[in-house]
Amino acid sequence: MDNQYAIIDFETTGLKAGYHRIIEVGAVIVTDGEITDSYAQLMDPGEHIPSFITELTGISNAMVRGQPSPEQVM
């Protein structure tokens, strides 16, 4: 049987869980120590991304404009 697991990463508009919105999700599937699949999606949080988050993540308001909402992606 394969040794398989997923690694998932979220970027958000801030640091408070349950308050700030998701702006990106990324995931990789690792099988027997090798990445075998990946997924990444930007999301429009419906609110302004603060400049300190853009500096931290590299994700700007312009990048998420027109992307699906977090609800649509999840």
N, C-alpha and C. Protein backbone atom coordinates (compact mmCIF):
# COMPACT_ATOMS: atom_id res chain seq x y z
N MET A 1 0.85 -1.18 0.00
CA MET A 1 0.00 0.00 0.00
C MET A 1 0.89 1.24 0.00
N ASP A 2 0.47 2.28 -0.74
CA ASP A 2 1.23 3.51 -0.83
C ASP A 2 1.24 4.25 0.51
N ASN A 3 2.35 4.91 0.76
CA ASN A 3 2.45 5.84 1.87
C ASN A 3 2.08 7.19 1.29
N GLN A 4 0.83 7.64 1.49
CA GLN A 4 0.31 8.83 0.82
C GLN A 4 -0.30 9.79 1.84
N TYR A 5 -0.04 11.10 1.63
CA TYR A 5 -0.63 12.12 2.49
C TYR A 5 -0.73 13.43 1.73
N ALA A 6 -1.53 14.35 2.26
CA ALA A 6 -1.71 15.67 1.66
C ALA A 6 -1.13 16.74 2.58
N ILE A 7 -0.54 17.75 1.97
CA ILE A 7 -0.08 18.94 2.68
C ILE A 7 -0.91 20.10 2.13
N ILE A 8 -1.58 20.83 3.02
CA ILE A 8 -2.47 21.91 2.62
C ILE A 8 -2.01 23.20 3.28
N ASP A 9 -2.03 24.29 2.49
CA ASP A 9 -1.61 25.60 2.98
C ASP A 9 -2.66 26.63 2.59
N PHE A 10 -2.99 27.51 3.52
CA PHE A 10 -3.94 28.60 3.27
C PHE A 10 -3.25 29.93 3.48
N GLU A 11 -3.58 30.91 2.64
CA GLU A 11 -3.21 32.30 2.85
C GLU A 11 -4.50 33.05 3.12
N THR A 12 -4.45 34.01 4.04
CA THR A 12 -5.65 34.73 4.46
C THR A 12 -5.42 36.23 4.50
N THR A 13 -6.51 36.98 4.71
CA THR A 13 -6.44 38.43 4.78
C THR A 13 -5.91 38.92 6.12
N GLY A 14 -5.66 38.03 7.06
CA GLY A 14 -5.16 38.41 8.38
C GLY A 14 -4.86 37.18 9.21
N LEU A 15 -4.69 37.40 10.50
CA LEU A 15 -4.22 36.31 11.37
C LEU A 15 -5.28 35.75 12.32
N LYS A 16 -6.51 36.29 12.30
CA LYS A 16 -7.55 35.82 13.21
C LYS A 16 -8.42 34.77 12.53
N ALA A 17 -8.31 33.53 12.96
CA ALA A 17 -9.16 32.45 12.43
C ALA A 17 -10.62 32.77 12.71
N GLY A 18 -11.48 32.51 11.76
CA GLY A 18 -12.90 32.76 11.94
C GLY A 18 -13.30 34.19 11.65
N TYR A 19 -12.34 35.08 11.50
CA TYR A 19 -12.64 36.49 11.21
C TYR A 19 -12.11 36.89 9.84
N HIS A 20 -10.86 36.55 9.57
CA HIS A 20 -10.25 36.90 8.29
C HIS A 20 -10.61 35.87 7.22
N ARG A 21 -10.50 36.28 5.96
CA ARG A 21 -10.96 35.48 4.84
C ARG A 21 -9.79 34.80 4.11
N ILE A 22 -10.06 33.67 3.50
CA ILE A 22 -9.07 32.94 2.72
C ILE A 22 -8.86 33.64 1.38
N ILE A 23 -7.58 33.79 0.96
CA ILE A 23 -7.28 34.36 -0.36
C ILE A 23 -6.56 33.36 -1.27
N GLU A 24 -6.05 32.28 -0.71
CA GLU A 24 -5.43 31.24 -1.54
C GLU A 24 -5.38 29.93 -0.78
N VAL A 25 -5.58 28.84 -1.52
CA VAL A 25 -5.37 27.50 -0.98
C VAL A 25 -4.39 26.79 -1.92
N GLY A 26 -3.49 26.07 -1.33
CA GLY A 26 -2.56 25.25 -2.09
C GLY A 26 -2.46 23.89 -1.43
N ALA A 27 -2.30 22.86 -2.23
CA ALA A 27 -2.20 21.50 -1.68
C ALA A 27 -1.32 20.65 -2.58
N VAL A 28 -0.60 19.75 -1.96
CA VAL A 28 0.15 18.74 -2.71
C VAL A 28 -0.17 17.38 -2.13
N ILE A 29 -0.17 16.37 -2.99
CA ILE A 29 -0.29 14.98 -2.56
C ILE A 29 1.12 14.38 -2.65
N VAL A 30 1.54 13.76 -1.57
CA VAL A 30 2.85 13.11 -1.52
C VAL A 30 2.63 11.61 -1.43
N THR A 31 3.21 10.88 -2.35
CA THR A 31 3.11 9.42 -2.38
C THR A 31 4.52 8.85 -2.35
N ASP A 32 4.80 8.05 -1.33
CA ASP A 32 6.12 7.45 -1.17
C ASP A 32 7.24 8.48 -1.29
N GLY A 33 7.02 9.65 -0.67
CA GLY A 33 8.05 10.68 -0.62
C GLY A 33 8.15 11.56 -1.85
N GLU A 34 7.29 11.36 -2.84
CA GLU A 34 7.33 12.15 -4.07
C GLU A 34 6.00 12.91 -4.24
N ILE A 35 6.08 14.16 -4.70
CA ILE A 35 4.86 14.91 -5.00
C ILE A 35 4.24 14.32 -6.26
N THR A 36 2.99 13.85 -6.13
CA THR A 36 2.32 13.20 -7.26
C THR A 36 1.16 14.01 -7.80
N ASP A 37 0.73 15.05 -7.09
CA ASP A 37 -0.34 15.90 -7.58
C ASP A 37 -0.29 17.21 -6.81
N SER A 38 -0.82 18.27 -7.40
CA SER A 38 -0.85 19.56 -6.72
C SER A 38 -2.07 20.35 -7.16
N TYR A 39 -2.44 21.32 -6.34
CA TYR A 39 -3.58 22.18 -6.60
C TYR A 39 -3.30 23.54 -5.97
N ALA A 40 -3.63 24.62 -6.67
CA ALA A 40 -3.54 25.97 -6.11
C ALA A 40 -4.66 26.81 -6.70
N GLN A 41 -5.27 27.65 -5.86
CA GLN A 41 -6.36 28.50 -6.33
C GLN A 41 -6.39 29.79 -5.53
N LEU A 42 -6.31 30.92 -6.22
CA LEU A 42 -6.57 32.21 -5.59
C LEU A 42 -8.06 32.36 -5.41
N MET A 43 -8.48 33.17 -4.41
CA MET A 43 -9.89 33.39 -4.13
C MET A 43 -10.12 34.86 -3.84
N ASP A 44 -11.25 35.37 -4.29
CA ASP A 44 -11.63 36.75 -3.99
C ASP A 44 -12.35 36.77 -2.64
N PRO A 45 -11.72 37.37 -1.62
CA PRO A 45 -12.33 37.33 -0.29
C PRO A 45 -13.51 38.28 -0.13
N GLY A 46 -13.75 39.15 -1.11
CA GLY A 46 -14.85 40.09 -0.98
C GLY A 46 -14.54 41.25 -0.05
N GLU A 47 -13.28 41.40 0.29
CA GLU A 47 -12.84 42.52 1.13
C GLU A 47 -11.41 42.88 0.75
N HIS A 48 -10.98 44.03 1.20
CA HIS A 48 -9.64 44.54 0.88
C HIS A 48 -8.56 43.70 1.55
N ILE A 49 -7.51 43.40 0.82
CA ILE A 49 -6.34 42.71 1.39
C ILE A 49 -5.39 43.79 1.92
N PRO A 50 -5.09 43.79 3.21
CA PRO A 50 -4.20 44.80 3.77
C PRO A 50 -2.80 44.73 3.15
N SER A 51 -2.13 45.87 3.10
CA SER A 51 -0.80 45.93 2.47
C SER A 51 0.20 45.01 3.16
N PHE A 52 0.11 44.84 4.48
CA PHE A 52 1.07 43.97 5.15
C PHE A 52 0.87 42.50 4.74
N ILE A 53 -0.36 42.12 4.40
CA ILE A 53 -0.61 40.75 3.91
C ILE A 53 -0.05 40.60 2.50
N THR A 54 -0.22 41.63 1.66
CA THR A 54 0.36 41.59 0.31
C THR A 54 1.88 41.47 0.40
N GLU A 55 2.50 42.22 1.31
CA GLU A 55 3.96 42.13 1.49
C GLU A 55 4.37 40.74 1.97
N LEU A 56 3.57 40.14 2.84
CA LEU A 56 3.88 38.83 3.41
C LEU A 56 3.68 37.70 2.40
N THR A 57 2.57 37.76 1.65
CA THR A 57 2.20 36.64 0.76
C THR A 57 2.52 36.88 -0.71
N GLY A 58 2.64 38.14 -1.10
CA GLY A 58 2.82 38.46 -2.51
C GLY A 58 1.50 38.48 -3.27
N ILE A 59 0.37 38.33 -2.56
CA ILE A 59 -0.95 38.30 -3.19
C ILE A 59 -1.59 39.66 -3.04
N SER A 60 -1.96 40.27 -4.17
CA SER A 60 -2.54 41.62 -4.15
C SER A 60 -4.04 41.57 -4.43
N ASN A 61 -4.68 42.72 -4.19
CA ASN A 61 -6.11 42.85 -4.50
C ASN A 61 -6.37 42.62 -5.99
N ALA A 62 -5.48 43.12 -6.83
CA ALA A 62 -5.64 42.93 -8.28
C ALA A 62 -5.58 41.46 -8.66
N MET A 63 -4.75 40.68 -7.98
CA MET A 63 -4.61 39.25 -8.30
C MET A 63 -5.86 38.46 -7.98
N VAL A 64 -6.60 38.84 -6.94
CA VAL A 64 -7.78 38.06 -6.55
C VAL A 64 -9.06 38.55 -7.21
N ARG A 65 -9.02 39.75 -7.79
CA ARG A 65 -10.20 40.29 -8.45
C ARG A 65 -10.65 39.35 -9.56
N GLY A 66 -11.92 38.96 -9.55
CA GLY A 66 -12.48 38.08 -10.57
C GLY A 66 -12.29 36.60 -10.29
N GLN A 67 -11.58 36.26 -9.22
CA GLN A 67 -11.40 34.86 -8.85
C GLN A 67 -12.66 34.38 -8.12
N PRO A 68 -12.87 33.07 -8.01
CA PRO A 68 -14.03 32.57 -7.27
C PRO A 68 -13.91 32.92 -5.79
N SER A 69 -15.05 32.94 -5.10
CA SER A 69 -15.06 33.22 -3.66
C SER A 69 -14.55 31.99 -2.91
N PRO A 70 -14.15 32.18 -1.64
CA PRO A 70 -13.77 31.01 -0.82
C PRO A 70 -14.89 29.96 -0.74
N GLU A 71 -16.14 30.42 -0.66
CA GLU A 71 -17.27 29.50 -0.57
C GLU A 71 -17.38 28.65 -1.84
N GLN A 72 -17.15 29.26 -2.99
CA GLN A 72 -17.22 28.52 -4.25
C GLN A 72 -16.10 27.47 -4.35
N VAL A 73 -14.91 27.83 -3.90
CA VAL A 73 -13.77 26.92 -4.00
C VAL A 73 -13.89 25.77 -3.01
N MET A 74 -14.26 26.07 -1.79
CA MET A 74 -14.33 25.04 -0.77
C MET A 74 -15.51 24.13 -1.00
